[in-house]
Amino acid sequence: MTNRVLIAQFMHETNTFSKLPTTLEDYRRQRLVEGAAIVPAFTGTRNELGGFIDAAQTHGWEPVWGVAANTTPSGRLTKEAWEHIRDLILDAARKTGEVDAVCLSLHGAMVSETEDDAEGALLEALRGVVGPDVPVVATLDLHANATARMARHANALVSYRTYPHVDGYERAVQAAQLVEDALQGRKNPRCLLVQPAMLKGADHGRTTQPGIMRDLLARAEEFERQPGLNVVSIQVGFTWSDIPWAGPSIAVSHEPGAEDSAAATAEALIAEMWARRNEFSSSYRSIDEAVAAARRGGDRPLVLAEGTDNPGGGGYNDAPNLLRALLDAGIVTVAVGTIYDPGTVRQALKAGVGARIEVTLGGHTDPSLGAPVQATAEVRHLSDGNFRNDGPMNAGVRVALGATAVLRLGDGIDVITTSTRMHTIDLQVFLSQGIDPLGRNVLVVKSSQHFRAAFEPIAREVMLVDAGGLCSTDASRFTYAKLRRPIWPLDPVEDPLAG
C-alpha cells in the first residue's frame, strides 16, 4: 500500500520590534509556490524541500503537495497572509480525503497579528484535520522559539544543527525517516519540550568554531543513541520577539515508556547551557575600527558584516552609517551587498546605465537609526535581481532581489541597491550583479552569521560591525511586554527550570 504524505513549507522568522508588517505580497515576491509546482522548483536543492522530495521517492510515498512559502524576516504576518497560507496547507489535507503522514518545513519563530504562536496554531489546526494518530513531523530553524503547543501536536521537531544553516536537506531526510519508521510500525514517536527561564543561550547557536553549541550537539547525538529516544533537538531561540516563549528550548522525540529518559535528557542539556551561559565567541566592533581595518588593505577582501542591520533577523537592510563612514574616509575598491532602497532603484532604472544621479540612499525605514547618505552616484549595472544560490547554504534555491541597481559612490564604492530586503549569504549576490568579490578590498554584507559559509573562505579577515540597526545583541535595549518573567539575562534567575 502506498502512503500518502502531505508535504508543505510555511516559514517566517518574525521580529516583533520591526515596524514593517509581513504581507501576502512579500511571500508572492519571494516564495509562494503551490501544489505540484513545488517539485520542479526544489528538486535538486539542498534545503528541506529538496530533502522531502528525495525522501518521498526513496520511501515510495505518494506526495500530497501543499505550499512552499518563505520570505525575509520582518514584522508580524498580517492576518491575510497568515490565514491564506495556513489554509492552503489545511485545504491540501482536506481535499486529499485522508493522508497517512505529514512532513512540514517550519521556522518556529513565526508571529502573526492574531497568533503569537503561529506554528503551534498551524500544527493544532492540522492535527484537527488529519486526526490524532497520523504522524506529523516538522523541521525547525535552530533559532525557533519552540513551544509546548508545537510539541503537543507534532510527533517530532527536528531542528538544524548548523549555523550557518547548511543542513536543511539532512534534517528533512532525518525527519522523513522517522515518519517512514512510524508508518511501518517500527516507531511510535511523541514529543516533549522543555524551556528554561533564558532569553538567549548557547552562543546564539554558532557552530563555525569549537564552543558550547558544538558541545551540546555532540551530547544530543549521544543521547539519541539511548533506547527510546528518536531525535534530540536544541533550539537557541530568537531574541527579537516579544512573545511569552522567546528563548532556548530542548525538544525530545521519544517512544512510549521513555518519558523519564526524555525529560532527563532535556534537563541535562539545559543545565549545561545554563552553566555556560556567559560563553560568547563573537563580538561587535565599532565603525571606526572597521574603517581602520579597511585602510590596511590586503591580498583578499576584508568582510565587514553589518549584523545589527541583518535582514535575516528582521533588520531593515538600509542602515547607512557604515557606508557613510567608508565614503567619508575615501576607502576604495568596496562592494556593499546590499542596501534596500526601492525608490533609488526606480530612479536608477529611469536614468539608465552610465547616468550620474543625485541619490538619497538608505536610512528611509527608520531615520533614527541613521540618516540617508546623500551623494552623486553613477549607475553601473541594472538587473531584475534574480539568481540561484550556488552554496553552501541553500544551494540551488532561487533568490529574487527585485529590480536591482549597482551604484558607484565616490572613487570606488559599489552599492548593490535592491527592491527587496534579503540577507547576504551567497557569493552570487555580488557575482550576479557583475561584481567579482575576490577583486575587492572590502565587502560589506548585511548578515550576522550566515554569510560565513560562503564568505569566510575568501576573506583575509571577518569583522562583525555594530553600525546601528534593529538587531542589537543587547536585549536590554528592547521593551518586552509579553515575555515570561523573570528571565535571564534581563532579570536575576537562580534556577532556570524553576516554575
Protein backbone atom coordinates (compact mmCIF):
# COMPACT_ATOMS: atom_id res chain seq x y z
CA MET A 1 0.00 0.00 0.00
CA THR A 2 1.33 3.43 -0.96
CA ASN A 3 1.32 6.00 1.81
CA ARG A 4 0.04 9.49 1.05
CA VAL A 5 2.20 12.11 2.79
CA LEU A 6 1.39 15.81 2.91
CA ILE A 7 4.50 17.93 2.31
CA ALA A 8 4.47 21.69 2.86
CA GLN A 9 6.57 24.63 3.97
CA PHE A 10 5.49 27.75 5.84
CA MET A 11 8.39 29.78 7.20
CA HIS A 12 8.98 33.15 8.76
CA GLU A 13 11.27 34.49 11.46
CA THR A 14 9.27 37.34 12.96
CA ASN A 15 10.95 40.33 14.58
CA THR A 16 8.07 41.82 16.54
CA PHE A 17 10.05 45.03 17.09
CA SER A 18 10.02 45.73 13.35
CA LYS A 19 7.61 48.36 12.06
CA LEU A 20 7.31 46.50 8.72
CA PRO A 21 4.34 44.09 8.54
CA THR A 22 4.83 40.86 6.61
CA THR A 23 2.25 40.73 3.83
CA LEU A 24 0.99 38.16 1.40
CA GLU A 25 2.66 40.19 -1.34
CA ASP A 26 6.01 39.74 0.45
CA TYR A 27 5.57 35.98 0.07
CA ARG A 28 4.49 36.28 -3.55
CA ARG A 29 7.61 38.32 -4.35
CA GLN A 30 9.97 35.83 -2.74
CA ARG A 31 8.47 32.36 -2.33
CA LEU A 32 4.89 31.21 -2.68
CA VAL A 33 4.78 28.01 -4.73
CA GLU A 34 1.61 25.96 -4.67
CA GLY A 35 0.89 22.29 -5.27
CA ALA A 36 2.86 20.17 -7.72
CA ALA A 37 4.86 23.23 -8.86
CA ILE A 38 6.97 22.61 -5.74
CA VAL A 39 8.65 19.65 -7.44
CA PRO A 40 10.39 21.43 -10.36
CA ALA A 41 11.14 24.44 -8.15
CA PHE A 42 13.02 22.47 -5.48
CA THR A 43 14.19 19.17 -6.94
CA GLY A 44 17.96 19.02 -6.51
CA THR A 45 18.12 21.86 -3.97
CA ARG A 46 19.95 21.45 -0.67
CA ASN A 47 17.17 22.66 1.60
CA GLU A 48 14.31 20.96 3.42
CA LEU A 49 12.02 20.76 0.41
CA GLY A 50 14.77 19.16 -1.65
CA GLY A 51 15.20 16.65 1.17
CA PHE A 52 11.48 15.85 1.38
CA ILE A 53 11.26 15.43 -2.41
CA ASP A 54 14.11 12.91 -2.39
CA ALA A 55 12.74 11.13 0.71
CA ALA A 56 9.32 10.70 -0.91
CA GLN A 57 10.96 8.95 -3.83
CA THR A 58 13.18 6.83 -1.58
CA HIS A 59 10.28 5.64 0.57
CA GLY A 60 7.83 5.24 -2.28
CA TRP A 61 5.34 7.77 -0.91
CA GLU A 62 2.56 9.41 -2.86
CA PRO A 63 3.26 13.07 -2.06
CA VAL A 64 0.41 15.48 -1.41
CA TRP A 65 1.89 18.89 -2.19
CA GLY A 66 0.66 21.80 -0.11
CA VAL A 67 2.59 25.06 -0.47
CA ALA A 68 6.16 26.30 -0.21
CA ALA A 69 6.11 29.71 1.47
CA ASN A 70 9.02 31.73 2.83
CA THR A 71 10.04 35.38 2.95
CA THR A 72 12.61 37.64 4.58
CA PRO A 73 12.23 38.18 8.34
CA SER A 74 10.30 41.30 9.30
CA GLY A 75 7.34 42.23 11.49
CA ARG A 76 4.20 40.25 12.29
CA LEU A 77 2.38 38.50 9.47
CA THR A 78 -0.81 40.23 8.51
CA LYS A 79 -4.00 38.31 9.22
CA GLU A 80 -4.47 37.91 5.47
CA ALA A 81 -1.02 36.39 4.89
CA TRP A 82 -1.23 34.07 7.89
CA GLU A 83 -4.71 32.74 7.13
CA HIS A 84 -4.20 32.45 3.38
CA ILE A 85 -1.06 30.30 3.61
CA ARG A 86 -2.33 28.33 6.61
CA ASP A 87 -5.49 27.48 4.67
CA LEU A 88 -3.53 26.34 1.61
CA ILE A 89 -1.96 23.68 3.83
CA LEU A 90 -5.20 22.72 5.59
CA ASP A 91 -7.11 22.59 2.31
CA ALA A 92 -4.48 20.31 0.76
CA ALA A 93 -5.01 17.91 3.67
CA ARG A 94 -8.81 18.10 3.42
CA LYS A 95 -9.06 17.73 -0.36
CA THR A 96 -6.96 14.59 -0.35
CA GLY A 97 -9.59 12.86 1.72
CA GLU A 98 -7.11 11.19 4.00
CA VAL A 99 -3.34 11.46 4.46
CA ASP A 100 -1.16 8.90 6.18
CA ALA A 101 1.50 11.34 7.43
CA VAL A 102 2.66 14.96 7.32
CA CYS A 103 6.13 16.44 6.75
CA LEU A 104 6.39 20.19 7.37
CA SER A 105 9.21 22.67 6.92
CA LEU A 106 8.67 25.40 9.54
CA HIS A 107 10.84 28.05 11.15
CA GLY A 108 9.47 28.04 14.68
CA ALA A 109 9.57 31.81 15.32
CA MET A 110 6.56 32.96 13.33
CA VAL A 111 4.19 35.52 14.85
CA SER A 112 1.07 36.86 13.17
CA GLU A 113 -1.29 39.70 14.02
CA THR A 114 -3.63 37.13 15.56
CA GLU A 115 -1.29 34.32 16.72
CA ASP A 116 1.77 34.76 18.94
CA ASP A 117 2.50 31.04 18.47
CA ALA A 118 1.68 30.72 14.78
CA GLU A 119 3.38 27.35 14.22
CA GLY A 120 1.65 25.93 17.28
CA ALA A 121 -1.67 27.17 15.90
CA LEU A 122 -0.90 25.66 12.48
CA LEU A 123 0.03 22.28 13.93
CA GLU A 124 -3.06 22.28 16.14
CA ALA A 125 -5.33 23.10 13.19
CA LEU A 126 -3.64 20.49 11.02
CA ARG A 127 -3.97 17.89 13.75
CA GLY A 128 -7.67 18.67 13.83
CA VAL A 129 -7.88 17.79 10.13
CA VAL A 130 -5.71 14.65 9.97
CA GLY A 131 -6.65 13.20 13.36
CA PRO A 132 -4.66 12.15 16.44
CA ASP A 133 -2.91 9.06 15.02
CA VAL A 134 -1.31 10.41 11.83
CA PRO A 135 2.46 11.00 12.21
CA VAL A 136 3.23 14.73 11.97
CA VAL A 137 6.90 15.77 11.91
CA ALA A 138 8.27 19.28 11.41
CA THR A 139 11.74 20.61 10.75
CA LEU A 140 12.67 23.83 12.56
CA ASP A 141 15.33 26.50 12.39
CA LEU A 142 17.65 26.23 15.40
CA HIS A 143 16.56 29.80 16.22
CA ALA A 144 13.00 28.65 16.77
CA ASN A 145 11.01 29.89 19.75
CA ALA A 146 9.56 26.41 20.12
CA THR A 147 6.51 25.90 22.33
CA ALA A 148 4.75 23.14 24.24
CA ARG A 149 1.82 23.62 21.87
CA MET A 150 4.04 22.73 18.91
CA ALA A 151 5.32 19.64 20.71
CA ARG A 152 1.82 18.59 21.74
CA HIS A 153 0.61 18.44 18.15
CA ALA A 154 3.79 17.08 16.49
CA ASN A 155 5.44 13.70 16.88
CA ALA A 156 8.87 15.26 16.44
CA LEU A 157 10.51 18.66 16.00
CA VAL A 158 13.76 18.26 14.07
CA SER A 159 15.99 21.35 14.20
CA TYR A 160 19.02 22.41 12.18
CA ARG A 161 22.39 21.51 13.66
CA THR A 162 24.47 24.10 11.87
CA TYR A 163 24.70 27.88 11.92
CA PRO A 164 25.11 28.98 9.12
CA HIS A 165 22.23 26.63 8.30
CA VAL A 166 23.72 24.29 5.72
CA ASP A 167 21.94 21.10 6.83
CA GLY A 168 18.30 21.75 5.94
CA TYR A 169 18.39 18.88 3.46
CA GLU A 170 19.82 16.44 6.01
CA ARG A 171 17.31 17.40 8.69
CA ALA A 172 14.43 16.84 6.26
CA VAL A 173 15.79 13.41 5.37
CA GLN A 174 16.09 12.62 9.09
CA ALA A 175 12.53 13.78 9.74
CA ALA A 176 11.22 11.78 6.79
CA GLN A 177 12.96 8.63 8.00
CA LEU A 178 11.20 8.92 11.35
CA VAL A 179 7.89 9.33 9.52
CA GLU A 180 8.61 6.22 7.47
CA ASP A 181 9.52 4.28 10.62
CA ALA A 182 6.22 5.34 12.16
CA LEU A 183 4.26 4.38 9.03
CA GLN A 184 5.87 0.94 9.06
CA GLY A 185 5.13 0.42 12.75
CA ARG A 186 8.78 0.50 13.80
CA LYS A 187 8.34 3.69 15.85
CA ASN A 188 5.56 5.37 17.79
CA PRO A 189 7.05 8.83 18.45
CA ARG A 190 5.74 11.63 20.61
CA CYS A 191 7.41 14.91 21.56
CA LEU A 192 8.47 16.55 24.83
CA LEU A 193 9.58 20.18 25.04
CA VAL A 194 11.36 21.80 27.99
CA GLN A 195 12.12 25.53 28.13
CA PRO A 196 14.25 27.31 30.74
CA ALA A 197 13.99 30.88 32.04
CA MET A 198 16.50 32.08 29.47
CA LEU A 199 16.08 34.58 26.63
CA LYS A 200 19.34 33.62 24.95
CA GLY A 201 21.90 30.86 25.24
CA ALA A 202 24.46 28.55 23.62
CA ASP A 203 26.33 31.39 21.88
CA HIS A 204 23.26 32.03 19.71
CA GLY A 205 23.84 28.61 18.16
CA ARG A 206 27.13 29.35 16.36
CA THR A 207 28.80 26.22 15.00
CA THR A 208 31.62 27.64 12.86
CA GLN A 209 34.11 27.19 15.71
CA PRO A 210 34.51 24.94 18.76
CA GLY A 211 32.33 26.02 21.66
CA ILE A 212 29.19 25.40 23.63
CA MET A 213 26.81 24.76 20.72
CA ARG A 214 29.05 22.12 19.20
CA ASP A 215 29.42 20.51 22.62
CA LEU A 216 25.67 20.47 23.20
CA LEU A 217 25.04 18.97 19.77
CA ALA A 218 27.60 16.24 20.41
CA ARG A 219 25.81 15.37 23.66
CA ALA A 220 22.45 15.41 21.86
CA GLU A 221 23.74 12.86 19.36
CA GLU A 222 24.93 10.66 22.21
CA PHE A 223 21.51 10.87 23.87
CA GLU A 224 19.85 9.85 20.59
CA ARG A 225 21.63 6.50 20.83
CA GLN A 226 19.79 5.71 24.05
CA PRO A 227 16.89 3.26 23.79
CA GLY A 228 13.55 5.00 23.34
CA LEU A 229 14.93 8.35 22.13
CA ASN A 230 14.46 9.27 18.48
CA VAL A 231 15.52 12.91 17.97
CA VAL A 232 17.05 15.41 20.39
CA SER A 233 16.77 18.97 19.06
CA ILE A 234 18.34 22.11 20.52
CA GLN A 235 16.68 25.43 19.76
CA VAL A 236 18.56 28.53 20.92
CA GLY A 237 15.59 30.84 20.33
CA PHE A 238 15.04 34.15 18.58
CA THR A 239 15.64 37.12 20.88
CA TRP A 240 13.83 39.80 18.87
CA SER A 241 10.33 38.54 19.52
CA ASP A 242 8.11 39.81 22.30
CA ILE A 243 6.12 36.65 22.97
CA PRO A 244 5.92 34.53 26.13
CA TRP A 245 8.02 31.69 24.66
CA ALA A 246 11.02 33.52 23.23
CA GLY A 247 14.29 31.79 24.04
CA PRO A 248 16.05 28.42 24.08
CA SER A 249 14.35 25.05 24.40
CA ILE A 250 15.05 21.34 24.06
CA ALA A 251 12.69 19.08 22.09
CA VAL A 252 12.96 15.31 22.53
CA SER A 253 11.05 12.88 20.34
CA HIS A 254 10.72 9.62 22.26
CA GLU A 255 8.92 6.30 22.35
CA PRO A 256 6.19 5.32 24.85
CA GLY A 257 7.75 4.48 28.20
CA ALA A 258 10.79 6.73 27.66
CA GLU A 259 9.24 9.85 29.15
CA ASP A 260 11.64 9.96 32.11
CA SER A 261 14.66 9.49 29.87
CA ALA A 262 13.44 12.26 27.57
CA ALA A 263 12.94 14.65 30.48
CA ALA A 264 16.35 13.84 31.97
CA THR A 265 17.98 14.43 28.58
CA ALA A 266 16.35 17.85 28.19
CA GLU A 267 17.26 18.88 31.73
CA ALA A 268 20.90 17.78 31.30
CA LEU A 269 21.31 19.87 28.16
CA ILE A 270 19.64 22.87 29.79
CA ALA A 271 21.90 22.52 32.83
CA GLU A 272 24.99 22.76 30.62
CA MET A 273 23.51 25.65 28.64
CA TRP A 274 22.85 27.47 31.90
CA ALA A 275 26.28 26.77 33.40
CA ARG A 276 27.95 28.14 30.25
CA ARG A 277 25.50 30.97 29.60
CA ASN A 278 28.22 33.65 29.51
CA GLU A 279 30.27 32.00 26.76
CA PHE A 280 30.30 34.05 23.55
CA SER A 281 32.51 33.58 20.50
CA SER A 282 31.71 36.79 18.63
CA SER A 283 31.98 40.45 19.49
CA TYR A 284 30.91 43.52 17.56
CA ARG A 285 33.38 46.24 16.62
CA SER A 286 32.81 49.94 16.08
CA ILE A 287 32.56 51.75 12.76
CA ASP A 288 35.92 53.45 13.47
CA GLU A 289 37.57 50.05 13.93
CA ALA A 290 36.02 48.82 10.68
CA VAL A 291 37.34 51.85 8.75
CA ALA A 292 40.81 51.39 10.25
CA ALA A 293 40.85 47.74 9.15
CA ALA A 294 39.73 48.78 5.66
CA ARG A 295 42.65 51.23 5.39
CA ARG A 296 45.20 48.46 5.99
CA GLY A 297 44.39 46.63 2.75
CA GLY A 298 45.46 43.13 1.84
CA ASP A 299 45.52 40.48 -0.85
CA ARG A 300 42.00 39.23 -0.08
CA PRO A 301 38.78 41.01 0.89
CA LEU A 302 38.06 42.34 4.35
CA VAL A 303 34.49 41.21 5.08
CA LEU A 304 32.57 43.67 7.24
CA ALA A 305 29.39 42.01 8.48
CA GLU A 306 26.82 44.58 9.49
CA GLY A 307 24.99 42.20 11.79
CA THR A 308 22.86 44.73 13.62
CA ASP A 309 21.15 45.57 10.31
CA ASN A 310 20.79 41.91 9.32
CA PRO A 311 17.57 41.42 7.31
CA GLY A 312 17.91 37.73 8.16
CA GLY A 313 16.91 38.73 11.69
CA GLY A 314 14.33 41.32 10.71
CA GLY A 315 16.71 44.26 10.27
CA TYR A 316 15.64 46.93 7.82
CA ASN A 317 18.58 46.35 5.44
CA ASP A 318 19.00 50.08 4.87
CA ALA A 319 21.13 51.32 7.79
CA PRO A 320 23.55 53.77 6.11
CA ASN A 321 26.11 54.53 8.82
CA LEU A 322 28.90 52.14 7.77
CA LEU A 323 28.51 53.10 4.10
CA ARG A 324 28.74 56.79 5.02
CA ALA A 325 31.88 56.21 7.09
CA LEU A 326 33.65 54.31 4.28
CA LEU A 327 32.66 57.02 1.81
CA ASP A 328 33.85 59.85 4.07
CA ALA A 329 37.13 58.04 4.72
CA GLY A 330 37.82 57.69 0.99
CA ILE A 331 38.04 53.90 1.10
CA VAL A 332 38.03 52.44 -2.43
CA THR A 333 37.52 49.06 -4.11
CA VAL A 334 34.49 48.42 -1.90
CA ALA A 335 31.32 46.47 -2.69
CA VAL A 336 28.26 46.71 -0.45
CA GLY A 337 25.73 43.90 -0.52
CA THR A 338 23.10 45.23 -0.04
CA ILE A 339 21.12 48.42 0.64
CA TYR A 340 17.32 48.19 0.42
CA ASP A 341 16.03 51.31 -1.33
CA PRO A 342 13.35 50.70 -3.98
CA GLY A 343 12.89 54.42 -4.59
CA THR A 344 16.53 54.86 -5.54
CA VAL A 345 16.34 51.74 -7.74
CA ARG A 346 13.44 53.30 -9.66
CA GLN A 347 15.47 56.47 -10.05
CA ALA A 348 18.41 54.46 -11.46
CA LEU A 349 16.18 52.49 -13.83
CA LYS A 350 14.76 55.71 -15.24
CA ALA A 351 18.21 57.23 -15.70
CA GLY A 352 19.86 54.14 -17.25
CA VAL A 353 23.32 52.61 -17.11
CA GLY A 354 26.09 55.20 -17.29
CA ALA A 355 23.97 58.05 -15.93
CA ARG A 356 25.03 60.09 -12.92
CA ILE A 357 22.25 60.79 -10.44
CA GLU A 358 21.85 62.51 -7.10
CA VAL A 359 20.77 59.92 -4.54
CA THR A 360 19.45 59.88 -1.01
CA LEU A 361 20.43 56.31 -0.21
CA GLY A 362 19.27 54.15 2.69
CA GLY A 363 18.02 55.29 6.07
CA HIS A 364 14.40 55.61 4.94
CA THR A 365 12.70 52.96 7.10
CA ASP A 366 13.75 54.40 10.45
CA PRO A 367 15.87 57.55 10.17
CA SER A 368 16.59 57.38 13.91
CA LEU A 369 18.98 54.53 13.04
CA GLY A 370 20.91 56.76 10.64
CA ALA A 371 20.07 59.47 8.12
CA PRO A 372 20.26 58.68 4.39
CA VAL A 373 23.55 59.07 2.52
CA GLN A 374 23.36 61.98 0.08
CA ALA A 375 25.79 61.57 -2.83
CA THR A 376 26.29 61.62 -6.55
CA ALA A 377 26.18 58.10 -7.95
CA GLU A 378 26.98 56.50 -11.29
CA VAL A 379 24.58 53.79 -12.43
CA ARG A 380 26.92 50.86 -13.19
CA HIS A 381 24.54 47.94 -13.66
CA LEU A 382 20.80 47.19 -13.76
CA SER A 383 19.08 43.81 -13.45
CA ASP A 384 15.93 42.01 -12.33
CA GLY A 385 17.82 40.73 -9.27
CA ASN A 386 17.10 37.05 -9.93
CA PHE A 387 19.73 34.35 -9.36
CA ARG A 388 20.24 30.94 -7.77
CA ASN A 389 22.44 30.32 -4.77
CA ASP A 390 25.41 28.12 -5.54
CA GLY A 391 26.08 27.22 -1.94
CA PRO A 392 26.99 26.03 0.51
CA MET A 393 23.80 27.35 2.14
CA ASN A 394 20.54 26.75 0.23
CA ALA A 395 22.42 25.67 -2.90
CA GLY A 396 20.19 25.73 -5.97
CA VAL A 397 17.46 27.82 -4.37
CA ARG A 398 16.15 30.74 -6.42
CA VAL A 399 16.58 34.22 -4.93
CA ALA A 400 14.64 37.32 -6.01
CA LEU A 401 16.12 40.69 -5.02
CA GLY A 402 13.62 42.51 -7.21
CA ALA A 403 14.76 45.25 -9.55
CA THR A 404 18.37 45.96 -8.63
CA ALA A 405 20.89 48.70 -9.39
CA VAL A 406 24.62 48.82 -8.77
CA LEU A 407 25.53 52.40 -7.89
CA ARG A 408 29.10 53.69 -7.68
CA LEU A 409 29.67 56.28 -4.99
CA GLY A 410 32.85 58.27 -4.51
CA ASP A 411 36.01 56.91 -6.15
CA GLY A 412 35.11 53.25 -5.91
CA ILE A 413 32.29 52.11 -3.61
CA ASP A 414 29.77 49.98 -5.49
CA VAL A 415 26.45 49.58 -3.69
CA ILE A 416 24.05 46.82 -4.71
CA THR A 417 20.75 48.62 -4.23
CA THR A 418 17.66 46.40 -4.14
CA SER A 419 13.87 46.49 -4.17
CA THR A 420 13.57 43.58 -1.73
CA ARG A 421 15.14 43.03 1.68
CA MET A 422 17.44 39.99 1.67
CA HIS A 423 20.39 38.94 3.83
CA THR A 424 23.66 38.21 2.07
CA ILE A 425 24.55 34.52 2.34
CA ASP A 426 25.90 33.71 -1.12
CA LEU A 427 28.63 34.99 -3.42
CA GLN A 428 26.02 35.21 -6.18
CA VAL A 429 24.66 38.36 -4.52
CA PHE A 430 27.77 40.02 -5.98
CA LEU A 431 28.56 37.79 -8.96
CA SER A 432 25.04 38.08 -10.39
CA GLN A 433 25.48 41.87 -10.46
CA GLY A 434 28.78 41.79 -12.32
CA ILE A 435 30.98 42.20 -9.22
CA ASP A 436 33.84 39.80 -8.51
CA PRO A 437 34.06 39.70 -4.71
CA LEU A 438 37.64 38.40 -4.82
CA GLY A 439 38.69 41.59 -6.60
CA ARG A 440 37.52 43.90 -3.80
CA ASN A 441 39.44 45.30 -0.85
CA VAL A 442 36.28 45.44 1.28
CA LEU A 443 32.99 43.56 1.12
CA VAL A 444 30.13 44.83 3.29
CA VAL A 445 27.46 42.20 3.92
CA LYS A 446 24.16 42.61 5.74
CA SER A 447 24.31 39.42 7.78
CA SER A 448 25.32 38.33 11.27
CA GLN A 449 26.44 34.71 10.74
CA HIS A 450 25.02 33.02 7.64
CA PHE A 451 27.48 34.89 5.40
CA ARG A 452 30.36 32.89 6.90
CA ALA A 453 29.62 29.73 4.92
CA ALA A 454 30.38 31.45 1.60
CA PHE A 455 32.48 34.48 2.56
CA GLU A 456 34.81 33.35 5.34
CA PRO A 457 36.81 31.10 2.95
CA ILE A 458 37.68 34.07 0.71
CA ALA A 459 38.27 36.68 3.45
CA ARG A 460 41.55 37.99 4.81
CA GLU A 461 39.59 38.96 7.93
CA VAL A 462 35.99 38.93 9.08
CA MET A 463 34.73 41.68 11.37
CA LEU A 464 31.25 41.99 12.87
CA VAL A 465 30.29 45.66 12.96
CA ASP A 466 27.71 47.42 15.11
CA ALA A 467 26.70 50.26 12.82
CA GLY A 468 23.24 50.76 14.25
CA GLY A 469 20.20 48.69 13.42
CA LEU A 470 17.25 46.77 14.72
CA CYS A 471 19.14 43.57 15.58
CA SER A 472 21.23 44.69 18.52
CA THR A 473 22.57 41.82 20.61
CA ASP A 474 21.83 43.82 23.77
CA ALA A 475 18.37 42.61 24.82
CA SER A 476 18.09 45.41 27.39
CA ARG A 477 17.61 47.88 24.51
CA PHE A 478 14.17 46.40 23.82
CA THR A 479 10.93 46.73 25.79
CA TYR A 480 9.24 43.36 26.30
CA ALA A 481 5.59 43.35 27.33
CA LYS A 482 4.61 39.70 26.79
CA LEU A 483 7.84 37.85 27.60
CA ARG A 484 7.67 35.48 30.59
CA ARG A 485 9.50 36.90 33.62
CA PRO A 486 11.83 36.57 35.41
CA ILE A 487 14.19 35.61 32.63
CA TRP A 488 17.96 35.73 32.16
CA PRO A 489 19.74 38.00 31.26
CA LEU A 490 17.09 40.66 31.89
CA ASP A 491 16.36 39.52 35.47
CA PRO A 492 18.11 37.70 38.31
CA VAL A 493 17.43 33.94 37.93
CA GLU A 494 18.51 31.29 40.42
CA ASP A 495 17.20 28.14 38.78
CA PRO A 496 16.40 28.21 35.04
CA LEU A 497 13.88 25.36 35.40
CA ALA A 498 12.09 26.70 38.48
CA GLY A 499 8.40 27.29 37.88
